[in-house]
Amino acid sequence: MHILRGELSDDRILRLLRCHFDTCHEVTPPGSAHVFDVSRLAAPDIDFWAAWDGEQLLGVGAMKPLDASHGEVKSMHTSEAARRRGVGSAMLMHIIETSRARGLTRLSLETGSFGYFEPAVALYRAHGFEECEPFGDYKLDPNSVFLTLNL
């Protein structure tokens, strides 16, 4: 598996991001989906990566700096065919290591609080993330879980 800077012009990446965006909106109550669309991922301050096995796209992930010391994990998604192969863990470790190298001291994220998102919450907790209060522009929402990791 190789994790590289993601090219938002690659049709394979665009299809996976469309699936991620659509699924998040399908399973999340209105007003509670905080998934980035492609235009937001293309912002110059967003670090976006794709995980590959040869020509096969395995997954994607991103990091949005909130300030000089705090970043937010965004757009973590593993393709259906690559699930349970360690892709999410590898991408998350890449985001953590890259954030440390940038000098960040904290990473946080928001994800869903219900069944569909249980595997994601378990992944983040397995990497040391702990529940926290809403951060940035987020507000308390029963459909959200907020997690943070001190780097």
N, C-alpha and C. Protein backbone atom coordinates (compact mmCIF):
# COMPACT_ATOMS: atom_id res chain seq x y z
N MET A 1 0.85 -1.18 0.00
CA MET A 1 0.00 0.00 0.00
C MET A 1 0.89 1.24 0.00
N HIS A 2 0.52 2.20 -0.84
CA HIS A 2 1.24 3.47 -0.92
C HIS A 2 0.24 4.59 -0.68
N ILE A 3 0.62 5.52 0.18
CA ILE A 3 -0.23 6.69 0.43
C ILE A 3 0.47 7.88 -0.19
N LEU A 4 -0.26 8.51 -1.12
CA LEU A 4 0.27 9.62 -1.90
C LEU A 4 -0.68 10.80 -1.82
N ARG A 5 -0.17 11.96 -2.18
CA ARG A 5 -1.03 13.12 -2.28
C ARG A 5 -2.14 12.79 -3.27
N GLY A 6 -3.36 13.05 -2.89
CA GLY A 6 -4.50 12.72 -3.74
C GLY A 6 -4.71 13.74 -4.84
N GLU A 7 -5.00 13.25 -6.02
CA GLU A 7 -5.27 14.12 -7.18
C GLU A 7 -6.77 14.21 -7.36
N LEU A 8 -7.32 15.38 -7.12
CA LEU A 8 -8.77 15.55 -7.21
C LEU A 8 -9.27 15.62 -8.64
N SER A 9 -8.39 15.39 -9.60
CA SER A 9 -8.80 15.28 -11.00
C SER A 9 -8.91 13.82 -11.43
N ASP A 10 -8.52 12.89 -10.57
CA ASP A 10 -8.56 11.45 -10.89
C ASP A 10 -9.99 10.95 -10.73
N ASP A 11 -10.55 10.37 -11.78
CA ASP A 11 -11.93 9.89 -11.75
C ASP A 11 -12.16 8.84 -10.67
N ARG A 12 -11.17 8.01 -10.37
CA ARG A 12 -11.33 6.99 -9.33
C ARG A 12 -11.50 7.64 -7.96
N ILE A 13 -10.73 8.67 -7.71
CA ILE A 13 -10.84 9.40 -6.45
C ILE A 13 -12.18 10.13 -6.39
N LEU A 14 -12.57 10.76 -7.48
CA LEU A 14 -13.84 11.48 -7.50
C LEU A 14 -15.03 10.54 -7.25
N ARG A 15 -14.98 9.33 -7.81
CA ARG A 15 -16.07 8.36 -7.58
C ARG A 15 -16.13 7.95 -6.11
N LEU A 16 -14.95 7.69 -5.50
CA LEU A 16 -14.94 7.29 -4.09
C LEU A 16 -15.42 8.44 -3.20
N LEU A 17 -15.01 9.65 -3.50
CA LEU A 17 -15.47 10.80 -2.72
C LEU A 17 -16.97 11.02 -2.89
N ARG A 18 -17.49 10.79 -4.08
CA ARG A 18 -18.94 10.92 -4.32
C ARG A 18 -19.69 9.89 -3.47
N CYS A 19 -19.17 8.66 -3.44
CA CYS A 19 -19.77 7.60 -2.63
C CYS A 19 -19.76 8.01 -1.15
N HIS A 20 -18.62 8.52 -0.68
CA HIS A 20 -18.48 8.96 0.71
C HIS A 20 -19.49 10.08 1.02
N PHE A 21 -19.54 11.08 0.18
CA PHE A 21 -20.42 12.22 0.37
C PHE A 21 -21.89 11.77 0.37
N ASP A 22 -22.27 11.00 -0.63
CA ASP A 22 -23.66 10.54 -0.74
C ASP A 22 -24.06 9.67 0.44
N THR A 23 -23.19 8.73 0.82
CA THR A 23 -23.50 7.84 1.93
C THR A 23 -23.66 8.62 3.23
N CYS A 24 -22.76 9.55 3.49
CA CYS A 24 -22.87 10.36 4.72
C CYS A 24 -24.20 11.09 4.76
N HIS A 25 -24.64 11.63 3.63
CA HIS A 25 -25.91 12.35 3.61
C HIS A 25 -27.10 11.40 3.68
N GLU A 26 -26.96 10.18 3.19
CA GLU A 26 -28.05 9.20 3.25
C GLU A 26 -28.28 8.70 4.67
N VAL A 27 -27.21 8.48 5.43
CA VAL A 27 -27.34 7.85 6.75
C VAL A 27 -27.40 8.85 7.89
N THR A 28 -27.15 10.13 7.63
CA THR A 28 -27.09 11.14 8.68
C THR A 28 -28.32 12.05 8.60
N PRO A 29 -28.94 12.34 9.74
CA PRO A 29 -30.09 13.24 9.73
C PRO A 29 -29.74 14.60 9.13
N PRO A 30 -30.70 15.25 8.49
CA PRO A 30 -30.45 16.57 7.89
C PRO A 30 -29.84 17.54 8.90
N GLY A 31 -28.86 18.29 8.43
CA GLY A 31 -28.19 19.28 9.27
C GLY A 31 -27.06 18.74 10.12
N SER A 32 -26.86 17.41 10.12
CA SER A 32 -25.81 16.83 10.96
C SER A 32 -24.65 16.24 10.15
N ALA A 33 -24.72 16.29 8.84
CA ALA A 33 -23.61 15.77 8.00
C ALA A 33 -22.60 16.89 7.78
N HIS A 34 -21.35 16.63 8.16
CA HIS A 34 -20.29 17.64 8.05
C HIS A 34 -19.22 17.22 7.06
N VAL A 35 -19.57 16.37 6.12
CA VAL A 35 -18.65 15.85 5.13
C VAL A 35 -18.27 16.94 4.13
N PHE A 36 -17.00 16.98 3.75
CA PHE A 36 -16.52 17.95 2.76
C PHE A 36 -16.84 17.45 1.35
N ASP A 37 -17.27 18.37 0.49
CA ASP A 37 -17.38 18.03 -0.92
C ASP A 37 -16.02 18.28 -1.58
N VAL A 38 -15.92 17.96 -2.86
CA VAL A 38 -14.63 18.05 -3.56
C VAL A 38 -14.11 19.48 -3.56
N SER A 39 -14.98 20.46 -3.72
CA SER A 39 -14.51 21.85 -3.76
C SER A 39 -13.85 22.25 -2.44
N ARG A 40 -14.36 21.76 -1.33
CA ARG A 40 -13.75 22.08 -0.03
C ARG A 40 -12.44 21.33 0.15
N LEU A 41 -12.35 20.10 -0.37
CA LEU A 41 -11.10 19.35 -0.28
C LEU A 41 -10.01 19.97 -1.16
N ALA A 42 -10.42 20.71 -2.17
CA ALA A 42 -9.45 21.33 -3.09
C ALA A 42 -8.87 22.63 -2.53
N ALA A 43 -9.35 23.09 -1.39
CA ALA A 43 -8.84 24.33 -0.80
C ALA A 43 -7.34 24.20 -0.55
N PRO A 44 -6.59 25.26 -0.74
CA PRO A 44 -5.12 25.16 -0.62
C PRO A 44 -4.61 24.77 0.76
N ASP A 45 -5.41 24.98 1.82
CA ASP A 45 -4.94 24.65 3.16
C ASP A 45 -5.23 23.20 3.55
N ILE A 46 -5.92 22.44 2.72
CA ILE A 46 -6.28 21.05 3.02
C ILE A 46 -5.20 20.11 2.49
N ASP A 47 -4.74 19.20 3.34
CA ASP A 47 -3.86 18.11 2.91
C ASP A 47 -4.76 16.92 2.61
N PHE A 48 -4.68 16.40 1.39
CA PHE A 48 -5.54 15.30 0.95
C PHE A 48 -4.68 14.18 0.39
N TRP A 49 -4.96 12.93 0.83
CA TRP A 49 -4.17 11.78 0.40
C TRP A 49 -5.07 10.66 -0.11
N ALA A 50 -4.46 9.80 -0.92
CA ALA A 50 -5.13 8.59 -1.40
C ALA A 50 -4.21 7.41 -1.15
N ALA A 51 -4.81 6.29 -0.75
CA ALA A 51 -4.07 5.04 -0.53
C ALA A 51 -4.28 4.14 -1.75
N TRP A 52 -3.19 3.59 -2.26
CA TRP A 52 -3.23 2.80 -3.48
C TRP A 52 -2.55 1.44 -3.28
N ASP A 53 -3.05 0.46 -4.00
CA ASP A 53 -2.38 -0.83 -4.20
C ASP A 53 -2.24 -0.96 -5.70
N GLY A 54 -1.07 -0.58 -6.21
CA GLY A 54 -0.91 -0.51 -7.66
C GLY A 54 -1.84 0.56 -8.21
N GLU A 55 -2.72 0.16 -9.12
CA GLU A 55 -3.68 1.09 -9.72
C GLU A 55 -5.02 1.09 -8.99
N GLN A 56 -5.16 0.25 -7.95
CA GLN A 56 -6.42 0.15 -7.23
C GLN A 56 -6.46 1.16 -6.09
N LEU A 57 -7.46 2.03 -6.12
CA LEU A 57 -7.66 3.00 -5.05
C LEU A 57 -8.28 2.29 -3.85
N LEU A 58 -7.63 2.41 -2.70
CA LEU A 58 -8.09 1.75 -1.48
C LEU A 58 -8.87 2.67 -0.56
N GLY A 59 -8.45 3.92 -0.49
CA GLY A 59 -9.11 4.84 0.43
C GLY A 59 -8.54 6.24 0.33
N VAL A 60 -9.17 7.14 1.07
CA VAL A 60 -8.76 8.55 1.07
C VAL A 60 -8.81 9.09 2.50
N GLY A 61 -8.16 10.21 2.71
CA GLY A 61 -8.19 10.89 3.99
C GLY A 61 -7.63 12.30 3.82
N ALA A 62 -7.98 13.18 4.75
CA ALA A 62 -7.53 14.57 4.65
C ALA A 62 -7.31 15.14 6.05
N MET A 63 -6.59 16.27 6.07
CA MET A 63 -6.37 17.00 7.31
C MET A 63 -6.54 18.48 7.01
N LYS A 64 -7.36 19.12 7.83
CA LYS A 64 -7.60 20.56 7.72
C LYS A 64 -6.99 21.24 8.93
N PRO A 65 -6.01 22.12 8.74
CA PRO A 65 -5.49 22.87 9.88
C PRO A 65 -6.55 23.82 10.44
N LEU A 66 -6.71 23.81 11.74
CA LEU A 66 -7.65 24.73 12.40
C LEU A 66 -6.91 25.97 12.90
N ASP A 67 -5.68 25.77 13.33
CA ASP A 67 -4.78 26.87 13.71
C ASP A 67 -3.36 26.30 13.66
N ALA A 68 -2.40 27.02 14.21
CA ALA A 68 -0.99 26.61 14.09
C ALA A 68 -0.67 25.32 14.83
N SER A 69 -1.53 24.90 15.77
CA SER A 69 -1.21 23.71 16.55
C SER A 69 -2.28 22.62 16.49
N HIS A 70 -3.41 22.89 15.86
CA HIS A 70 -4.56 21.99 15.92
C HIS A 70 -5.08 21.71 14.51
N GLY A 71 -5.23 20.42 14.19
CA GLY A 71 -5.77 20.02 12.89
C GLY A 71 -6.99 19.15 13.05
N GLU A 72 -7.76 19.03 11.97
CA GLU A 72 -8.96 18.20 11.96
C GLU A 72 -8.84 17.12 10.90
N VAL A 73 -9.10 15.88 11.28
CA VAL A 73 -9.13 14.77 10.34
C VAL A 73 -10.45 14.87 9.58
N LYS A 74 -10.38 14.79 8.25
CA LYS A 74 -11.56 14.91 7.40
C LYS A 74 -11.53 13.81 6.33
N SER A 75 -12.71 13.49 5.82
CA SER A 75 -12.89 12.67 4.62
C SER A 75 -12.19 11.33 4.64
N MET A 76 -12.15 10.69 5.81
CA MET A 76 -11.61 9.33 5.88
C MET A 76 -12.65 8.38 5.28
N HIS A 77 -12.24 7.64 4.26
CA HIS A 77 -13.16 6.68 3.65
C HIS A 77 -12.34 5.58 2.96
N THR A 78 -12.72 4.34 3.22
CA THR A 78 -12.09 3.17 2.60
C THR A 78 -13.08 2.58 1.61
N SER A 79 -12.59 2.21 0.43
CA SER A 79 -13.48 1.59 -0.56
C SER A 79 -14.05 0.30 0.01
N GLU A 80 -15.23 -0.04 -0.42
CA GLU A 80 -15.91 -1.25 0.06
C GLU A 80 -15.02 -2.48 -0.13
N ALA A 81 -14.36 -2.60 -1.28
CA ALA A 81 -13.53 -3.77 -1.59
C ALA A 81 -12.29 -3.87 -0.71
N ALA A 82 -11.87 -2.75 -0.11
CA ALA A 82 -10.62 -2.75 0.67
C ALA A 82 -10.86 -2.75 2.18
N ARG A 83 -12.09 -2.86 2.60
CA ARG A 83 -12.39 -2.82 4.03
C ARG A 83 -11.80 -4.02 4.77
N ARG A 84 -11.45 -3.79 6.02
CA ARG A 84 -10.87 -4.79 6.93
C ARG A 84 -9.48 -5.28 6.46
N ARG A 85 -8.77 -4.40 5.76
CA ARG A 85 -7.41 -4.72 5.31
C ARG A 85 -6.39 -3.74 5.89
N GLY A 86 -6.82 -2.91 6.84
CA GLY A 86 -5.89 -1.99 7.49
C GLY A 86 -5.72 -0.66 6.79
N VAL A 87 -6.53 -0.39 5.78
CA VAL A 87 -6.39 0.86 5.02
C VAL A 87 -6.69 2.07 5.90
N GLY A 88 -7.79 2.02 6.64
CA GLY A 88 -8.15 3.15 7.50
C GLY A 88 -7.09 3.42 8.55
N SER A 89 -6.56 2.37 9.13
CA SER A 89 -5.51 2.52 10.13
C SER A 89 -4.25 3.12 9.51
N ALA A 90 -3.87 2.63 8.33
CA ALA A 90 -2.67 3.16 7.66
C ALA A 90 -2.86 4.64 7.30
N MET A 91 -4.04 4.99 6.81
CA MET A 91 -4.30 6.39 6.45
C MET A 91 -4.27 7.26 7.70
N LEU A 92 -4.90 6.80 8.77
CA LEU A 92 -4.92 7.58 10.00
C LEU A 92 -3.51 7.76 10.55
N MET A 93 -2.70 6.72 10.53
CA MET A 93 -1.31 6.84 10.99
C MET A 93 -0.54 7.84 10.12
N HIS A 94 -0.80 7.83 8.82
CA HIS A 94 -0.15 8.78 7.93
C HIS A 94 -0.56 10.22 8.29
N ILE A 95 -1.84 10.43 8.55
CA ILE A 95 -2.31 11.76 8.93
C ILE A 95 -1.69 12.20 10.25
N ILE A 96 -1.62 11.30 11.21
CA ILE A 96 -1.01 11.62 12.50
C ILE A 96 0.46 11.97 12.33
N GLU A 97 1.21 11.14 11.61
CA GLU A 97 2.65 11.39 11.42
C GLU A 97 2.89 12.68 10.66
N THR A 98 2.12 12.93 9.62
CA THR A 98 2.28 14.16 8.83
C THR A 98 1.94 15.38 9.67
N SER A 99 0.92 15.27 10.48
CA SER A 99 0.54 16.39 11.35
C SER A 99 1.62 16.69 12.38
N ARG A 100 2.20 15.65 12.96
CA ARG A 100 3.32 15.84 13.90
C ARG A 100 4.48 16.53 13.20
N ALA A 101 4.80 16.08 11.99
CA ALA A 101 5.92 16.65 11.24
C ALA A 101 5.66 18.13 10.92
N ARG A 102 4.43 18.51 10.79
CA ARG A 102 4.06 19.91 10.54
C ARG A 102 4.11 20.75 11.80
N GLY A 103 4.29 20.10 12.95
CA GLY A 103 4.35 20.81 14.21
C GLY A 103 3.03 20.92 14.94
N LEU A 104 2.00 20.22 14.46
CA LEU A 104 0.73 20.25 15.18
C LEU A 104 0.87 19.47 16.49
N THR A 105 0.12 19.88 17.49
CA THR A 105 0.17 19.19 18.78
C THR A 105 -1.16 18.51 19.13
N ARG A 106 -2.17 18.70 18.26
CA ARG A 106 -3.47 18.10 18.52
C ARG A 106 -4.21 17.86 17.21
N LEU A 107 -4.87 16.71 17.13
CA LEU A 107 -5.77 16.39 16.01
C LEU A 107 -7.14 16.10 16.59
N SER A 108 -8.17 16.58 15.95
CA SER A 108 -9.54 16.32 16.38
C SER A 108 -10.37 15.90 15.18
N LEU A 109 -11.56 15.39 15.46
CA LEU A 109 -12.46 15.01 14.38
C LEU A 109 -13.88 14.94 14.88
N GLU A 110 -14.79 14.99 13.93
CA GLU A 110 -16.22 14.79 14.19
C GLU A 110 -16.65 13.62 13.32
N THR A 111 -17.44 12.73 13.91
CA THR A 111 -18.04 11.63 13.15
C THR A 111 -19.42 11.35 13.72
N GLY A 112 -20.14 10.46 13.07
CA GLY A 112 -21.50 10.15 13.51
C GLY A 112 -21.52 9.39 14.82
N SER A 113 -22.65 9.49 15.52
CA SER A 113 -22.79 8.87 16.85
C SER A 113 -23.61 7.58 16.80
N PHE A 114 -23.93 7.10 15.62
CA PHE A 114 -24.85 5.96 15.51
C PHE A 114 -24.22 4.83 14.70
N GLY A 115 -24.94 3.73 14.57
CA GLY A 115 -24.46 2.47 14.04
C GLY A 115 -23.53 2.49 12.85
N TYR A 116 -23.87 3.20 11.80
CA TYR A 116 -23.04 3.21 10.60
C TYR A 116 -21.61 3.64 10.91
N PHE A 117 -21.44 4.54 11.86
CA PHE A 117 -20.13 5.11 12.17
C PHE A 117 -19.38 4.38 13.28
N GLU A 118 -19.96 3.32 13.85
CA GLU A 118 -19.29 2.59 14.93
C GLU A 118 -17.90 2.09 14.55
N PRO A 119 -17.70 1.52 13.34
CA PRO A 119 -16.33 1.09 12.99
C PRO A 119 -15.34 2.26 12.96
N ALA A 120 -15.79 3.43 12.50
CA ALA A 120 -14.90 4.60 12.47
C ALA A 120 -14.53 5.02 13.89
N VAL A 121 -15.51 5.09 14.76
CA VAL A 121 -15.24 5.49 16.15
C VAL A 121 -14.28 4.49 16.79
N ALA A 122 -14.47 3.20 16.55
CA ALA A 122 -13.57 2.17 17.10
C ALA A 122 -12.15 2.36 16.56
N LEU A 123 -12.02 2.67 15.29
CA LEU A 123 -10.69 2.91 14.70
C LEU A 123 -10.01 4.08 15.38
N TYR A 124 -10.70 5.19 15.52
CA TYR A 124 -10.10 6.36 16.14
C TYR A 124 -9.72 6.09 17.58
N ARG A 125 -10.59 5.43 18.32
CA ARG A 125 -10.27 5.12 19.72
C ARG A 125 -9.08 4.18 19.81
N ALA A 126 -8.96 3.23 18.90
CA ALA A 126 -7.83 2.30 18.90
C ALA A 126 -6.51 3.04 18.68
N HIS A 127 -6.56 4.23 18.09
CA HIS A 127 -5.36 5.03 17.86
C HIS A 127 -5.18 6.12 18.91
N GLY A 128 -5.96 6.04 19.99
CA GLY A 128 -5.75 6.94 21.11
C GLY A 128 -6.65 8.16 21.17
N PHE A 129 -7.54 8.32 20.20
CA PHE A 129 -8.46 9.46 20.24
C PHE A 129 -9.44 9.27 21.40
N GLU A 130 -9.76 10.37 22.06
CA GLU A 130 -10.70 10.36 23.19
C GLU A 130 -11.79 11.39 22.94
N GLU A 131 -12.97 11.13 23.52
CA GLU A 131 -14.08 12.07 23.36
C GLU A 131 -13.70 13.44 23.91
N CYS A 132 -14.23 14.47 23.25
CA CYS A 132 -13.98 15.84 23.65
C CYS A 132 -15.23 16.67 23.37
N GLU A 133 -15.17 17.91 23.78
CA GLU A 133 -16.24 18.86 23.48
C GLU A 133 -16.15 19.26 22.00
N PRO A 134 -17.23 19.81 21.45
CA PRO A 134 -17.14 20.32 20.08
C PRO A 134 -16.01 21.34 19.97
N PHE A 135 -15.37 21.36 18.84
CA PHE A 135 -14.23 22.25 18.59
C PHE A 135 -14.52 23.06 17.32
N GLY A 136 -13.68 24.05 17.07
CA GLY A 136 -13.87 24.86 15.86
C GLY A 136 -15.27 25.46 15.83
N ASP A 137 -15.94 25.30 14.69
CA ASP A 137 -17.28 25.84 14.51
C ASP A 137 -18.39 24.86 14.85
N TYR A 138 -18.04 23.67 15.32
CA TYR A 138 -19.06 22.65 15.63
C TYR A 138 -19.86 23.05 16.87
N LYS A 139 -21.09 22.57 16.90
CA LYS A 139 -21.98 22.74 18.05
C LYS A 139 -22.36 21.35 18.56
N LEU A 140 -22.77 21.27 19.83
CA LEU A 140 -23.26 20.00 20.36
C LEU A 140 -24.37 19.48 19.46
N ASP A 141 -24.31 18.18 19.17
CA ASP A 141 -25.29 17.55 18.28
C ASP A 141 -25.38 16.09 18.70
N PRO A 142 -26.57 15.59 19.02
CA PRO A 142 -26.68 14.19 19.44
C PRO A 142 -26.29 13.20 18.34
N ASN A 143 -26.19 13.68 17.10
CA ASN A 143 -25.81 12.82 15.98
C ASN A 143 -24.30 12.81 15.74
N SER A 144 -23.54 13.52 16.57
CA SER A 144 -22.09 13.64 16.40
C SER A 144 -21.34 13.13 17.61
N VAL A 145 -20.15 12.61 17.34
CA VAL A 145 -19.16 12.29 18.36
C VAL A 145 -17.94 13.14 18.01
N PHE A 146 -17.36 13.79 19.01
CA PHE A 146 -16.17 14.61 18.83
C PHE A 146 -15.03 13.90 19.54
N LEU A 147 -13.93 13.72 18.83
CA LEU A 147 -12.77 13.02 19.37
C LEU A 147 -11.51 13.84 19.15
N THR A 148 -10.53 13.67 20.05
CA THR A 148 -9.28 14.41 19.92
C THR A 148 -8.11 13.54 20.36
N LEU A 149 -6.95 13.88 19.85
CA LEU A 149 -5.70 13.19 20.18
C LEU A 149 -4.62 14.23 20.37
N ASN A 150 -3.98 14.21 21.54
CA ASN A 150 -2.81 15.06 21.75
C ASN A 150 -1.62 14.37 21.11
N LEU A 151 -0.93 15.13 20.26
CA LEU A 151 0.23 14.60 19.56
C LEU A 151 1.49 14.86 20.37
